[in-house]
Amino acid sequence: MSSMPAGPPAPVIDAHGLGRSFTVSEGPLLRRRRRTVDAVDGVTFQVRPGEVVGYLGPNGAGKSTTMKMLIGLLAPGRGRLRVLGLEPARFRTRLAARIGIVFGQRTSLWWDLPLRDSLALTRHLYRVPARDHARRLEELSDLLELGPFLHTPVRQLSLGQRMRGDLTAALLHAPELLVLDEPTIGLDVVSKAAIRSFLSRLNAEHGTTVLLTTHDLGDVERLCRRVMVIDHGRLAYDGDLAGLRDRAPRPRALVVDLAEPGPPIRVPGARFVRRQGPRQWLGLGGNPLDGNPAEVIAEVAREHRVADLTVQEPDIEEVVARLYTGDAESVPAEGAGGCRRGRLQP
């Protein structure tokens, strides 16, 4: 008898109508008023196995509250939430054995112990067999280059070294889901590049699902194929980076380096923006009258002596900022996770 075909894998994170409210007091001391604030309001999304998803939002938008509900620190006030098939708040201990968590502004390591001893204690917390611990520690030490400071007390580590130690601690028990909150905050360029390269390799080789919150849009551009944007507690965008750029119609720029300084370039389909010596900036896109970039480039090359040409895409950080200030297109669309998109309000 033939077996039934296997269906799609269950989502790692399944949130439907997720909500959480808080009561806050405000006003003068003797005339305090209480009001209810919806920190998260009706958020619906799914994260599939092996995805790397960026979760973006300004301070106070609701992303920290969402993350706390995902790892079981807070119970949802409304809606349904499952992480790896479990209710996080109800089965927090069981879930902790299957997820890894890294907070960029806090460490899970023991401050006065050498890094190796701190990681050994982590093994006992997660009850990882000694053989598995040794194998994973060796692999992670190679990937994150821990060798030179494994015997250094955590308090003496640089921020980049400490972050690599925190990543190791979060991964020693081979979690299915890695939750990262600002993992590159405060790091130098070299350390950021090392962390991003490691996370990309971890996902590619082990299929680890990653949910990333960050204010560093470089992390998102280099790691995430999908982004979700939360604003005023509501999920306002769920899709890819290209779609996010499309929602805030900032024009691309054509940067033209002429062989020598000249007058402003005027060609059909582009708008002169500014010039500095032999370099000039032309605006592309942003209104229906703008032409095809390839045609604009061909026209510029035909009419001028050009040393170099570069098309600059909108920076994700600026795009997200435009979304927050209400400059986004208001037409709703269906996101990668099947959730609705709403209009961001200023």
Protein backbone atom coordinates (compact mmCIF):
# COMPACT_ATOMS: atom_id res chain seq x y z
CA MET A 1 0.00 0.00 0.00
CA SER A 2 1.47 3.39 -1.00
CA SER A 3 2.11 5.89 1.73
CA MET A 4 0.45 9.29 1.77
CA PRO A 5 2.66 12.14 0.53
CA ALA A 6 4.20 14.18 3.30
CA GLY A 7 2.73 17.62 3.77
CA PRO A 8 4.69 20.84 4.28
CA PRO A 9 6.71 21.00 7.51
CA ALA A 10 5.02 22.61 10.49
CA PRO A 11 5.98 26.25 11.07
CA VAL A 12 8.63 26.97 13.66
CA ILE A 13 6.66 30.03 14.79
CA ASP A 14 2.90 30.26 14.32
CA ALA A 15 1.29 33.47 15.61
CA HIS A 16 -2.35 34.32 14.92
CA GLY A 17 -4.04 37.47 16.19
CA LEU A 18 -1.30 37.89 18.79
CA GLY A 19 -1.92 40.69 21.27
CA ARG A 20 -0.64 42.03 24.56
CA SER A 21 -1.76 45.15 26.43
CA PHE A 22 -0.33 47.03 29.40
CA THR A 23 -1.83 49.53 31.81
CA VAL A 24 0.24 52.67 32.28
CA SER A 25 -0.13 55.61 34.65
CA GLU A 26 0.39 59.16 33.48
CA GLY A 27 -0.18 62.74 34.58
CA PRO A 28 0.67 64.63 37.79
CA LEU A 29 1.45 62.63 40.92
CA LEU A 30 -1.84 63.45 42.70
CA ARG A 31 -3.96 63.16 39.55
CA ARG A 32 -2.58 60.05 37.95
CA ARG A 33 -4.64 58.59 35.16
CA ARG A 34 -4.49 55.03 33.96
CA ARG A 35 -4.87 53.96 30.37
CA THR A 36 -4.40 50.77 28.38
CA VAL A 37 -1.69 50.58 25.72
CA ASP A 38 -1.76 47.88 23.05
CA ALA A 39 1.93 46.99 22.79
CA VAL A 40 1.12 44.21 20.28
CA ASP A 41 -2.23 44.23 18.50
CA GLY A 42 -3.47 41.48 16.18
CA VAL A 43 -0.11 40.30 14.83
CA THR A 44 -0.31 37.26 12.53
CA PHE A 45 2.66 35.54 10.88
CA GLN A 46 4.42 32.22 10.41
CA VAL A 47 8.13 31.41 10.22
CA ARG A 48 9.02 28.25 8.33
CA PRO A 49 11.97 25.93 9.12
CA GLY A 50 15.25 27.26 7.75
CA GLU A 51 14.11 30.86 7.28
CA VAL A 52 16.16 33.86 8.39
CA VAL A 53 13.67 36.62 9.17
CA GLY A 54 14.37 40.20 10.19
CA TYR A 55 11.87 41.75 12.63
CA LEU A 56 12.13 45.52 12.44
CA GLY A 57 10.50 48.38 14.26
CA PRO A 58 11.29 51.66 16.02
CA ASN A 59 11.62 51.79 19.78
CA GLY A 60 8.21 51.25 21.33
CA ALA A 61 6.73 49.61 18.23
CA GLY A 62 6.14 46.27 19.97
CA LYS A 63 8.99 44.07 18.80
CA SER A 64 10.49 43.51 22.28
CA THR A 65 7.07 42.52 23.62
CA THR A 66 6.66 40.11 20.71
CA MET A 67 10.06 38.55 21.38
CA LYS A 68 9.28 38.09 25.08
CA MET A 69 6.07 36.26 24.19
CA LEU A 70 7.92 34.05 21.70
CA ILE A 71 10.41 32.84 24.30
CA GLY A 72 7.84 32.50 27.10
CA LEU A 73 8.73 35.48 29.30
CA LEU A 74 5.28 36.97 28.70
CA ALA A 75 1.97 35.25 28.08
CA PRO A 76 -0.13 36.58 25.20
CA GLY A 77 -3.19 38.53 26.24
CA ARG A 78 -4.99 37.66 23.02
CA GLY A 79 -4.61 35.34 20.07
CA ARG A 80 -2.77 32.06 19.61
CA LEU A 81 0.98 31.42 19.66
CA ARG A 82 2.96 28.24 19.07
CA VAL A 83 6.74 27.99 18.89
CA LEU A 84 8.01 24.58 17.75
CA GLY A 85 4.49 23.32 18.44
CA LEU A 86 4.48 24.51 22.07
CA GLU A 87 2.80 27.34 23.95
CA PRO A 88 5.88 29.30 25.07
CA ALA A 89 4.56 30.62 28.39
CA ARG A 90 3.11 27.24 29.38
CA PHE A 91 6.05 25.08 28.32
CA ARG A 92 8.91 27.52 28.80
CA THR A 93 11.38 24.95 30.18
CA ARG A 94 10.73 22.45 27.39
CA LEU A 95 11.00 25.18 24.80
CA ALA A 96 14.27 26.49 26.23
CA ALA A 97 15.91 23.18 25.37
CA ARG A 98 15.04 23.71 21.70
CA ILE A 99 15.81 27.40 21.16
CA GLY A 100 18.88 29.58 21.51
CA ILE A 101 18.65 33.22 22.62
CA VAL A 102 21.21 36.01 22.32
CA PHE A 103 20.64 39.53 23.62
CA GLY A 104 23.28 41.93 22.37
CA GLN A 105 23.03 44.18 25.42
CA ARG A 106 23.08 41.36 28.01
CA THR A 107 25.24 38.30 28.40
CA SER A 108 24.35 34.77 29.47
CA LEU A 109 27.96 34.05 30.45
CA TRP A 110 29.41 34.03 33.97
CA TRP A 111 31.29 37.29 34.36
CA ASP A 112 34.25 36.14 36.48
CA LEU A 113 34.82 32.71 34.94
CA PRO A 114 37.05 31.91 31.96
CA LEU A 115 34.99 31.53 28.80
CA ARG A 116 35.65 27.76 28.62
CA ASP A 117 34.37 27.23 32.19
CA SER A 118 31.32 29.39 31.51
CA LEU A 119 30.51 27.27 28.46
CA ALA A 120 30.97 24.11 30.53
CA LEU A 121 28.32 25.35 32.99
CA THR A 122 26.02 26.05 30.05
CA ARG A 123 26.40 22.39 29.06
CA HIS A 124 25.07 21.30 32.42
CA LEU A 125 22.16 23.74 32.26
CA TYR A 126 21.01 22.21 28.97
CA ARG A 127 22.08 18.68 29.96
CA VAL A 128 24.16 18.23 26.83
CA PRO A 129 26.13 14.94 26.84
CA ALA A 130 29.88 15.51 27.33
CA ARG A 131 30.78 14.00 23.96
CA ASP A 132 28.29 16.16 22.08
CA HIS A 133 29.43 19.23 24.00
CA ALA A 134 33.09 18.62 23.13
CA ARG A 135 32.28 18.11 19.44
CA ARG A 136 30.08 21.20 19.16
CA LEU A 137 32.49 23.37 21.15
CA GLU A 138 35.33 22.37 18.84
CA GLU A 139 33.24 23.15 15.76
CA LEU A 140 32.02 26.49 17.09
CA SER A 141 35.50 27.43 18.32
CA ASP A 142 36.84 26.94 14.81
CA LEU A 143 34.02 28.86 13.14
CA LEU A 144 34.07 31.75 15.62
CA GLU A 145 37.82 31.67 16.31
CA LEU A 146 37.46 31.35 20.08
CA GLY A 147 40.82 29.67 20.66
CA PRO A 148 42.87 32.76 21.64
CA PHE A 149 40.49 33.76 24.45
CA LEU A 150 38.84 30.53 25.65
CA HIS A 151 40.81 30.76 28.92
CA THR A 152 40.19 34.50 29.41
CA PRO A 153 37.67 35.62 32.07
CA VAL A 154 34.49 36.89 30.43
CA ARG A 155 34.84 40.30 32.10
CA GLN A 156 38.15 40.81 30.25
CA LEU A 157 36.77 40.01 26.79
CA SER A 158 36.16 42.68 24.20
CA LEU A 159 32.57 43.24 23.11
CA GLY A 160 33.14 41.29 19.88
CA GLN A 161 34.76 38.38 21.73
CA ARG A 162 31.97 38.31 24.31
CA MET A 163 29.34 38.25 21.56
CA ARG A 164 31.05 35.26 19.93
CA GLY A 165 31.03 33.56 23.32
CA ASP A 166 27.31 34.28 23.76
CA LEU A 167 26.58 32.82 20.31
CA THR A 168 28.51 29.70 21.24
CA ALA A 169 26.58 29.34 24.51
CA ALA A 170 23.28 29.72 22.63
CA LEU A 171 24.21 27.02 20.10
CA LEU A 172 25.90 24.32 22.19
CA HIS A 173 22.63 22.43 22.63
CA ALA A 174 21.94 22.50 18.84
CA PRO A 175 18.72 24.57 18.96
CA GLU A 176 16.19 24.46 16.14
CA LEU A 177 15.45 28.18 16.47
CA LEU A 178 17.92 30.99 17.18
CA VAL A 179 16.42 34.26 18.47
CA LEU A 180 18.77 37.23 18.17
CA ASP A 181 18.13 40.66 19.69
CA GLU A 182 20.63 43.26 18.43
CA PRO A 183 23.50 40.76 18.04
CA THR A 184 25.93 43.25 16.47
CA ILE A 185 25.16 46.32 18.59
CA GLY A 186 28.33 48.25 19.39
CA LEU A 187 30.62 45.97 17.38
CA ASP A 188 33.32 47.21 15.04
CA VAL A 189 33.17 46.55 11.30
CA VAL A 190 35.43 43.47 11.45
CA SER A 191 33.46 41.85 14.30
CA LYS A 192 30.15 42.55 12.57
CA ALA A 193 31.39 40.92 9.39
CA ALA A 194 32.55 37.84 11.35
CA ILE A 195 29.18 37.46 13.14
CA ARG A 196 27.21 37.89 9.91
CA SER A 197 29.38 35.39 8.05
CA PHE A 198 28.96 32.85 10.85
CA LEU A 199 25.17 33.21 10.99
CA SER A 200 24.89 32.87 7.23
CA ARG A 201 26.99 29.71 7.31
CA LEU A 202 25.04 28.32 10.28
CA ASN A 203 21.79 28.69 8.40
CA ALA A 204 23.15 27.30 5.14
CA GLU A 205 24.89 24.25 6.63
CA HIS A 206 22.59 23.34 9.53
CA GLY A 207 19.26 24.81 8.44
CA THR A 208 18.88 26.68 11.74
CA THR A 209 15.88 29.00 11.73
CA VAL A 210 16.80 32.55 12.77
CA LEU A 211 14.61 35.42 13.95
CA LEU A 212 16.59 38.66 14.13
CA THR A 213 15.68 42.02 15.63
CA THR A 214 18.14 44.80 14.94
CA HIS A 215 18.55 48.51 14.30
CA ASP A 216 21.57 47.74 12.09
CA LEU A 217 20.08 47.42 8.63
CA GLY A 218 23.39 45.99 7.40
CA ASP A 219 22.50 42.83 9.36
CA VAL A 220 19.18 42.61 7.55
CA GLU A 221 20.58 43.25 4.08
CA ARG A 222 23.27 40.60 4.47
CA LEU A 223 21.29 37.90 6.30
CA CYS A 224 17.56 38.14 5.70
CA ARG A 225 15.56 37.24 2.63
CA ARG A 226 12.37 38.19 4.45
CA VAL A 227 11.61 41.11 6.73
CA MET A 228 8.66 42.01 8.93
CA VAL A 229 8.05 45.57 10.06
CA ILE A 230 5.97 46.29 13.17
CA ASP A 231 4.68 49.77 13.95
CA HIS A 232 2.38 50.85 16.80
CA GLY A 233 1.88 47.18 17.69
CA ARG A 234 0.64 46.13 14.25
CA LEU A 235 2.45 44.16 11.59
CA ALA A 236 2.73 46.63 8.74
CA TYR A 237 4.90 44.74 6.25
CA ASP A 238 5.86 41.11 5.66
CA GLY A 239 7.85 40.32 2.53
CA ASP A 240 11.25 40.58 0.88
CA LEU A 241 13.68 43.50 0.84
CA ALA A 242 12.81 44.48 -2.72
CA GLY A 243 9.16 44.75 -1.78
CA LEU A 244 10.05 46.85 1.25
CA ARG A 245 11.91 49.27 -0.98
CA ASP A 246 8.94 49.40 -3.34
CA ARG A 247 6.60 50.38 -0.49
CA ALA A 248 8.53 53.64 0.05
CA PRO A 249 9.16 55.03 -3.42
CA ARG A 250 12.48 56.70 -2.91
CA PRO A 251 14.18 57.03 -6.30
CA ARG A 252 17.37 55.20 -7.12
CA ALA A 253 20.38 57.32 -7.97
CA LEU A 254 22.64 57.11 -10.98
CA VAL A 255 26.13 58.28 -10.00
CA VAL A 256 28.10 59.41 -13.04
CA ASP A 257 31.85 60.04 -12.93
CA LEU A 258 32.73 62.13 -15.99
CA ALA A 259 36.18 62.22 -17.51
CA GLU A 260 36.27 65.90 -16.52
CA PRO A 261 33.92 68.35 -14.77
CA GLY A 262 31.07 69.57 -16.94
CA PRO A 263 27.64 71.21 -16.88
CA PRO A 264 24.66 69.39 -15.30
CA ILE A 265 23.66 66.27 -17.23
CA ARG A 266 20.20 66.56 -18.75
CA VAL A 267 18.85 63.38 -20.33
CA PRO A 268 15.29 62.04 -20.81
CA GLY A 269 14.08 59.78 -17.98
CA ALA A 270 16.38 61.18 -15.28
CA ARG A 271 16.54 64.23 -13.04
CA PHE A 272 19.71 66.13 -12.24
CA VAL A 273 20.19 66.17 -8.46
CA ARG A 274 23.64 67.60 -7.72
CA ARG A 275 27.27 67.58 -8.80
CA GLN A 276 30.66 67.64 -7.12
CA GLY A 277 33.63 68.08 -9.43
CA PRO A 278 33.40 65.48 -12.20
CA ARG A 279 30.82 63.43 -10.26
CA GLN A 280 27.10 63.99 -10.79
CA TRP A 281 23.99 62.43 -9.24
CA LEU A 282 20.85 61.77 -11.29
CA GLY A 283 17.52 60.62 -9.86
CA LEU A 284 15.95 57.44 -11.27
CA GLY A 285 12.49 56.10 -10.49
CA GLY A 286 9.92 57.60 -8.18
CA ASN A 287 7.45 58.79 -10.82
CA PRO A 288 5.89 57.36 -14.00
CA LEU A 289 7.77 59.80 -16.28
CA ASP A 290 11.16 58.35 -15.39
CA GLY A 291 12.68 56.11 -18.02
CA ASN A 292 14.29 52.70 -17.98
CA PRO A 293 17.67 52.84 -16.14
CA ALA A 294 19.38 50.99 -18.99
CA GLU A 295 18.10 53.57 -21.50
CA VAL A 296 19.19 56.44 -19.27
CA ILE A 297 22.68 54.95 -18.88
CA ALA A 298 22.96 54.44 -22.65
CA GLU A 299 21.91 58.06 -23.27
CA VAL A 300 24.40 59.42 -20.72
CA ALA A 301 27.23 57.35 -22.23
CA ARG A 302 26.27 58.51 -25.72
CA GLU A 303 26.23 62.21 -24.85
CA HIS A 304 29.14 62.43 -22.40
CA ARG A 305 32.66 61.15 -21.80
CA VAL A 306 32.09 58.82 -18.85
CA ALA A 307 34.79 57.35 -16.59
CA ASP A 308 32.41 55.30 -14.42
CA LEU A 309 28.68 54.69 -13.75
CA THR A 310 26.99 53.31 -10.62
CA VAL A 311 23.32 52.74 -9.82
CA GLN A 312 22.66 53.20 -6.09
CA GLU A 313 19.65 51.34 -4.65
CA PRO A 314 17.67 52.96 -1.81
CA ASP A 315 19.24 52.27 1.58
CA ILE A 316 17.00 49.99 3.65
CA GLU A 317 17.40 52.19 6.73
CA GLU A 318 16.03 55.19 4.86
CA VAL A 319 13.21 53.11 3.39
CA VAL A 320 12.13 51.91 6.83
CA ALA A 321 12.36 55.46 8.18
CA ARG A 322 10.06 56.64 5.37
CA LEU A 323 7.61 53.89 6.26
CA TYR A 324 7.59 55.03 9.90
CA THR A 325 6.86 58.64 8.91
CA GLY A 326 3.90 57.66 6.75
CA ASP A 327 5.48 58.04 3.29
CA ALA A 328 4.74 54.45 2.29
CA GLU A 329 2.27 53.38 -0.34
CA SER A 330 -1.03 52.51 1.29
CA VAL A 331 -2.09 49.66 -0.99
CA PRO A 332 -2.18 46.48 1.15
CA ALA A 333 -0.58 43.31 -0.18
CA GLU A 334 -0.15 39.72 0.92
CA GLY A 335 3.14 39.04 2.73
CA ALA A 336 5.41 36.00 2.58
CA GLY A 337 3.94 34.74 5.83
CA GLY A 338 0.36 35.11 4.69
CA CYS A 339 -0.45 38.00 7.00
CA ARG A 340 -2.21 41.19 6.13
CA ARG A 341 -0.29 44.40 5.72
CA GLY A 342 -1.64 47.65 7.04
CA ARG A 343 -0.73 51.23 6.48
CA LEU A 344 1.94 52.61 8.76
CA GLN A 345 0.83 55.73 10.57
CA PRO A 346 3.13 58.63 11.41
